[in-house]
N, C-alpha and C. Protein backbone atom coordinates (compact mmCIF):
# COMPACT_ATOMS: atom_id res chain seq x y z
N UNK A 1 27.62 6.19 0.95
CA UNK A 1 26.20 6.42 1.13
C UNK A 1 25.58 5.35 2.03
N UNK A 2 26.01 4.09 1.82
CA UNK A 2 25.48 3.02 2.68
C UNK A 2 25.88 3.22 4.13
N UNK A 3 27.11 3.65 4.33
CA UNK A 3 27.59 3.87 5.70
C UNK A 3 26.77 4.97 6.37
N UNK A 4 26.44 6.00 5.62
CA UNK A 4 25.63 7.09 6.16
C UNK A 4 24.23 6.60 6.54
N UNK A 5 23.64 5.75 5.70
CA UNK A 5 22.31 5.19 6.01
C UNK A 5 22.37 4.32 7.26
N UNK A 6 23.42 3.50 7.39
CA UNK A 6 23.55 2.66 8.58
C UNK A 6 23.75 3.52 9.83
N UNK A 7 24.49 4.60 9.68
CA UNK A 7 24.68 5.52 10.81
C UNK A 7 23.34 6.09 11.27
N UNK A 8 22.52 6.53 10.33
CA UNK A 8 21.21 7.08 10.69
C UNK A 8 20.30 6.02 11.28
N UNK A 9 20.38 4.80 10.78
CA UNK A 9 19.57 3.72 11.36
C UNK A 9 19.99 3.43 12.80
N UNK A 10 21.30 3.36 13.03
CA UNK A 10 21.79 3.12 14.39
C UNK A 10 21.42 4.27 15.31
N UNK A 11 21.54 5.50 14.83
CA UNK A 11 21.16 6.66 15.62
C UNK A 11 19.68 6.60 15.99
N UNK A 12 18.82 6.27 15.02
CA UNK A 12 17.39 6.16 15.29
C UNK A 12 17.11 5.04 16.29
N UNK A 13 17.79 3.91 16.13
CA UNK A 13 17.60 2.80 17.06
C UNK A 13 17.95 3.20 18.48
N UNK A 14 19.12 3.85 18.65
CA UNK A 14 19.54 4.22 20.00
C UNK A 14 18.64 5.32 20.59
N UNK A 15 18.15 6.22 19.77
CA UNK A 15 17.22 7.22 20.28
C UNK A 15 15.92 6.57 20.75
N UNK A 16 15.39 5.65 19.96
CA UNK A 16 14.16 4.97 20.36
C UNK A 16 14.38 4.06 21.55
N UNK A 17 15.54 3.41 21.60
CA UNK A 17 15.85 2.55 22.74
C UNK A 17 15.96 3.38 24.02
N UNK A 18 16.61 4.54 23.93
CA UNK A 18 16.71 5.43 25.08
C UNK A 18 15.35 5.93 25.51
N UNK A 19 14.48 6.22 24.55
CA UNK A 19 13.12 6.63 24.86
C UNK A 19 12.39 5.52 25.60
N UNK A 20 12.57 4.28 25.16
CA UNK A 20 11.90 3.15 25.80
C UNK A 20 12.41 2.94 27.23
N UNK A 21 13.70 3.09 27.42
CA UNK A 21 14.27 2.89 28.76
C UNK A 21 13.80 3.99 29.71
N UNK A 22 13.71 5.21 29.23
CA UNK A 22 13.29 6.32 30.09
C UNK A 22 11.80 6.25 30.44
N UNK A 23 10.98 5.59 29.61
CA UNK A 23 9.53 5.54 29.83
C UNK A 23 9.10 4.13 30.22
N UNK A 24 9.74 3.58 31.22
CA UNK A 24 9.42 2.21 31.61
C UNK A 24 8.44 2.14 32.78
N UNK A 25 7.95 3.27 33.28
CA UNK A 25 7.01 3.23 34.41
C UNK A 25 5.63 2.76 33.92
N UNK A 26 4.86 2.23 34.84
CA UNK A 26 3.56 1.67 34.49
C UNK A 26 2.53 2.76 34.23
N UNK A 27 1.71 2.50 33.25
CA UNK A 27 0.58 3.37 32.94
C UNK A 27 -0.67 2.49 32.91
N UNK A 28 -1.79 3.08 33.22
CA UNK A 28 -3.04 2.31 33.27
C UNK A 28 -3.90 2.65 32.06
N UNK A 29 -4.44 1.62 31.46
CA UNK A 29 -5.42 1.76 30.38
C UNK A 29 -6.76 1.28 30.93
N UNK A 30 -7.74 2.15 30.88
CA UNK A 30 -9.07 1.80 31.38
C UNK A 30 -9.99 1.52 30.20
N UNK A 31 -10.60 0.36 30.21
CA UNK A 31 -11.51 -0.06 29.15
C UNK A 31 -12.94 -0.02 29.67
N UNK A 32 -13.85 -0.44 28.82
CA UNK A 32 -15.26 -0.49 29.22
C UNK A 32 -15.49 -1.60 30.24
N UNK A 33 -16.58 -1.51 30.96
CA UNK A 33 -17.02 -2.50 31.95
C UNK A 33 -16.01 -2.69 33.08
N UNK A 34 -15.26 -1.65 33.40
CA UNK A 34 -14.38 -1.68 34.56
C UNK A 34 -13.08 -2.43 34.38
N UNK A 35 -12.76 -2.89 33.18
CA UNK A 35 -11.49 -3.60 33.00
C UNK A 35 -10.36 -2.60 32.77
N UNK A 36 -9.19 -2.97 33.21
CA UNK A 36 -8.03 -2.10 33.04
C UNK A 36 -6.76 -2.93 32.89
N UNK A 37 -5.79 -2.31 32.23
CA UNK A 37 -4.47 -2.93 32.05
C UNK A 37 -3.43 -2.02 32.67
N UNK A 38 -2.41 -2.62 33.22
CA UNK A 38 -1.26 -1.87 33.71
C UNK A 38 -0.07 -2.33 32.88
N UNK A 39 0.41 -1.45 32.03
CA UNK A 39 1.52 -1.76 31.13
C UNK A 39 2.55 -0.64 31.19
N UNK A 40 3.81 -0.97 30.86
CA UNK A 40 4.78 0.11 30.70
C UNK A 40 4.36 1.04 29.56
N UNK A 41 4.65 2.32 29.72
CA UNK A 41 4.23 3.32 28.75
C UNK A 41 4.77 3.02 27.35
N UNK A 42 5.98 2.52 27.27
CA UNK A 42 6.56 2.24 25.96
C UNK A 42 5.76 1.16 25.21
N UNK A 43 5.19 0.19 25.93
CA UNK A 43 4.37 -0.83 25.27
C UNK A 43 3.06 -0.24 24.77
N UNK A 44 2.50 0.68 25.53
CA UNK A 44 1.27 1.33 25.09
C UNK A 44 1.52 2.12 23.81
N UNK A 45 2.65 2.84 23.76
CA UNK A 45 3.00 3.59 22.56
C UNK A 45 3.25 2.64 21.39
N UNK A 46 3.94 1.54 21.65
CA UNK A 46 4.22 0.55 20.60
C UNK A 46 2.93 -0.07 20.06
N UNK A 47 2.01 -0.39 20.94
CA UNK A 47 0.72 -0.96 20.52
C UNK A 47 -0.06 0.05 19.68
N UNK A 48 -0.06 1.32 20.11
CA UNK A 48 -0.77 2.35 19.35
C UNK A 48 -0.13 2.53 17.96
N UNK A 49 1.19 2.49 17.90
CA UNK A 49 1.88 2.62 16.62
C UNK A 49 1.56 1.44 15.71
N UNK A 50 1.61 0.22 16.26
CA UNK A 50 1.32 -0.98 15.47
C UNK A 50 -0.13 -0.97 14.97
N UNK A 51 -1.06 -0.54 15.82
CA UNK A 51 -2.47 -0.48 15.39
C UNK A 51 -2.64 0.53 14.27
N UNK A 52 -1.99 1.68 14.36
CA UNK A 52 -2.07 2.68 13.30
C UNK A 52 -1.45 2.19 12.00
N UNK A 53 -0.30 1.51 12.10
CA UNK A 53 0.34 0.97 10.89
C UNK A 53 -0.53 -0.10 10.25
N UNK A 54 -1.14 -0.94 11.06
CA UNK A 54 -2.02 -1.98 10.53
C UNK A 54 -3.25 -1.38 9.85
N UNK A 55 -3.81 -0.37 10.45
CA UNK A 55 -4.96 0.31 9.86
C UNK A 55 -4.58 0.98 8.54
N UNK A 56 -3.42 1.62 8.49
CA UNK A 56 -2.95 2.25 7.26
C UNK A 56 -2.68 1.24 6.16
N UNK A 57 -2.09 0.10 6.51
CA UNK A 57 -1.82 -0.94 5.52
C UNK A 57 -3.12 -1.53 5.00
N UNK A 58 -4.10 -1.70 5.85
CA UNK A 58 -5.39 -2.22 5.42
C UNK A 58 -6.06 -1.28 4.43
N UNK A 59 -6.03 0.01 4.71
CA UNK A 59 -6.62 0.99 3.81
C UNK A 59 -5.89 1.01 2.47
N UNK A 60 -4.57 0.92 2.51
CA UNK A 60 -3.78 0.90 1.27
C UNK A 60 -4.05 -0.37 0.48
N UNK A 61 -4.17 -1.50 1.16
CA UNK A 61 -4.43 -2.77 0.49
C UNK A 61 -5.79 -2.76 -0.20
N UNK A 62 -6.79 -2.18 0.45
CA UNK A 62 -8.12 -2.10 -0.16
C UNK A 62 -8.08 -1.25 -1.43
N UNK A 63 -7.37 -0.14 -1.38
CA UNK A 63 -7.23 0.72 -2.55
C UNK A 63 -6.47 0.00 -3.67
N UNK A 64 -5.43 -0.74 -3.30
CA UNK A 64 -4.65 -1.49 -4.28
C UNK A 64 -5.50 -2.55 -4.98
N UNK A 65 -6.31 -3.26 -4.23
CA UNK A 65 -7.18 -4.28 -4.83
C UNK A 65 -8.18 -3.65 -5.79
N UNK A 66 -8.74 -2.51 -5.41
CA UNK A 66 -9.69 -1.81 -6.28
C UNK A 66 -9.00 -1.39 -7.58
N UNK A 67 -7.80 -0.89 -7.50
CA UNK A 67 -7.07 -0.48 -8.69
C UNK A 67 -6.73 -1.67 -9.58
N UNK A 68 -6.35 -2.79 -8.99
CA UNK A 68 -6.04 -3.99 -9.78
C UNK A 68 -7.27 -4.50 -10.52
N UNK A 69 -8.42 -4.48 -9.84
CA UNK A 69 -9.65 -4.90 -10.51
C UNK A 69 -9.97 -4.00 -11.70
N UNK A 70 -9.79 -2.69 -11.51
CA UNK A 70 -10.07 -1.76 -12.59
C UNK A 70 -9.10 -1.95 -13.75
N UNK A 71 -7.82 -2.17 -13.46
CA UNK A 71 -6.83 -2.41 -14.51
C UNK A 71 -7.17 -3.67 -15.28
N UNK A 72 -7.57 -4.73 -14.58
CA UNK A 72 -7.95 -5.98 -15.24
C UNK A 72 -9.16 -5.76 -16.14
N UNK A 73 -10.14 -5.02 -15.65
CA UNK A 73 -11.33 -4.75 -16.45
C UNK A 73 -10.98 -3.94 -17.70
N UNK A 74 -10.12 -2.95 -17.55
CA UNK A 74 -9.73 -2.13 -18.69
C UNK A 74 -8.89 -2.92 -19.70
N UNK A 75 -8.03 -3.83 -19.23
CA UNK A 75 -7.26 -4.67 -20.16
C UNK A 75 -8.17 -5.58 -20.98
N UNK A 76 -9.14 -6.17 -20.31
CA UNK A 76 -10.09 -7.02 -21.04
C UNK A 76 -10.87 -6.21 -22.06
N UNK A 77 -11.26 -5.00 -21.68
CA UNK A 77 -11.99 -4.13 -22.59
C UNK A 77 -11.10 -3.75 -23.78
N UNK A 78 -9.83 -3.51 -23.55
CA UNK A 78 -8.89 -3.17 -24.62
C UNK A 78 -8.68 -4.36 -25.56
N UNK A 79 -8.54 -5.56 -24.99
CA UNK A 79 -8.39 -6.76 -25.82
C UNK A 79 -9.63 -6.99 -26.67
N UNK A 80 -10.79 -6.82 -26.07
CA UNK A 80 -12.05 -6.99 -26.79
C UNK A 80 -12.16 -5.98 -27.94
N UNK A 81 -11.77 -4.73 -27.69
CA UNK A 81 -11.82 -3.70 -28.73
C UNK A 81 -10.81 -4.01 -29.84
N UNK A 82 -9.65 -4.53 -29.47
CA UNK A 82 -8.65 -4.90 -30.48
C UNK A 82 -9.12 -6.04 -31.35
N UNK A 83 -9.78 -7.03 -30.74
CA UNK A 83 -10.33 -8.16 -31.53
C UNK A 83 -11.44 -7.68 -32.45
N UNK A 84 -12.33 -6.83 -31.95
CA UNK A 84 -13.41 -6.30 -32.79
C UNK A 84 -12.85 -5.49 -33.95
N UNK A 85 -11.82 -4.73 -33.70
CA UNK A 85 -11.21 -3.92 -34.74
C UNK A 85 -10.53 -4.80 -35.78
N UNK A 86 -9.87 -5.87 -35.34
CA UNK A 86 -9.19 -6.77 -36.27
C UNK A 86 -10.20 -7.51 -37.15
N UNK A 87 -11.34 -7.86 -36.59
CA UNK A 87 -12.36 -8.56 -37.35
C UNK A 87 -13.06 -7.65 -38.36
N UNK A 88 -13.16 -6.36 -38.02
CA UNK A 88 -13.90 -5.45 -38.89
C UNK A 88 -13.04 -4.83 -39.99
N UNK A 89 -11.74 -4.98 -39.95
CA UNK A 89 -10.88 -4.40 -40.99
C UNK A 89 -10.96 -5.23 -42.26
N UNK A 90 -10.83 -4.56 -43.38
CA UNK A 90 -10.88 -5.21 -44.69
C UNK A 90 -9.46 -5.61 -45.06
N UNK A 91 -9.24 -6.83 -45.55
CA UNK A 91 -7.90 -7.24 -45.95
C UNK A 91 -7.35 -6.34 -47.04
N UNK A 92 -6.04 -6.17 -47.09
CA UNK A 92 -5.39 -5.25 -48.02
C UNK A 92 -5.58 -5.67 -49.47
N UNK A 93 -5.73 -6.94 -49.76
CA UNK A 93 -5.89 -7.42 -51.14
C UNK A 93 -7.22 -6.96 -51.73
N UNK A 94 -8.22 -6.74 -50.92
CA UNK A 94 -9.53 -6.35 -51.42
C UNK A 94 -9.65 -4.85 -51.63
N UNK A 95 -8.74 -4.09 -51.09
CA UNK A 95 -8.78 -2.63 -51.22
C UNK A 95 -8.20 -2.26 -52.59
N UNK A 96 -8.94 -1.46 -53.35
CA UNK A 96 -8.47 -1.05 -54.67
C UNK A 96 -7.96 0.39 -54.61
N UNK A 97 -6.90 0.62 -55.33
CA UNK A 97 -6.36 1.97 -55.40
C UNK A 97 -7.22 2.82 -56.30
N UNK A 98 -7.38 4.08 -56.01
CA UNK A 98 -8.17 4.95 -56.89
C UNK A 98 -7.46 5.14 -58.23
N UNK A 99 -8.27 5.30 -59.27
CA UNK A 99 -7.71 5.46 -60.61
C UNK A 99 -7.23 6.91 -60.79
N UNK A 100 -6.10 7.03 -61.43
CA UNK A 100 -5.58 8.36 -61.72
C UNK A 100 -5.56 8.57 -63.22
N UNK A 101 -5.70 9.76 -63.67
CA UNK A 101 -5.70 10.08 -65.11
C UNK A 101 -4.41 10.63 -65.58
């Protein structure tokens, strides 16, 4: 199974490497105020991919932090309810059994 995974990784690497070699011609990026960049197309694609991955990780991280805060709040609430319940229970020695005839 490991050999199969390494084979697929190598295949993916060589496919992407071949894609990069074939797309090495310059492309122009035009920005605001007349500025422009001349970069190989593969770098433009790589930058777009990295920006998308960074944006996705940021969104996931924000959601993860929100969930951790909620879990922490719920744990504290559970501990507080457990303490209140322990304080309000009557000790077993004080409970009397009902009389039977």
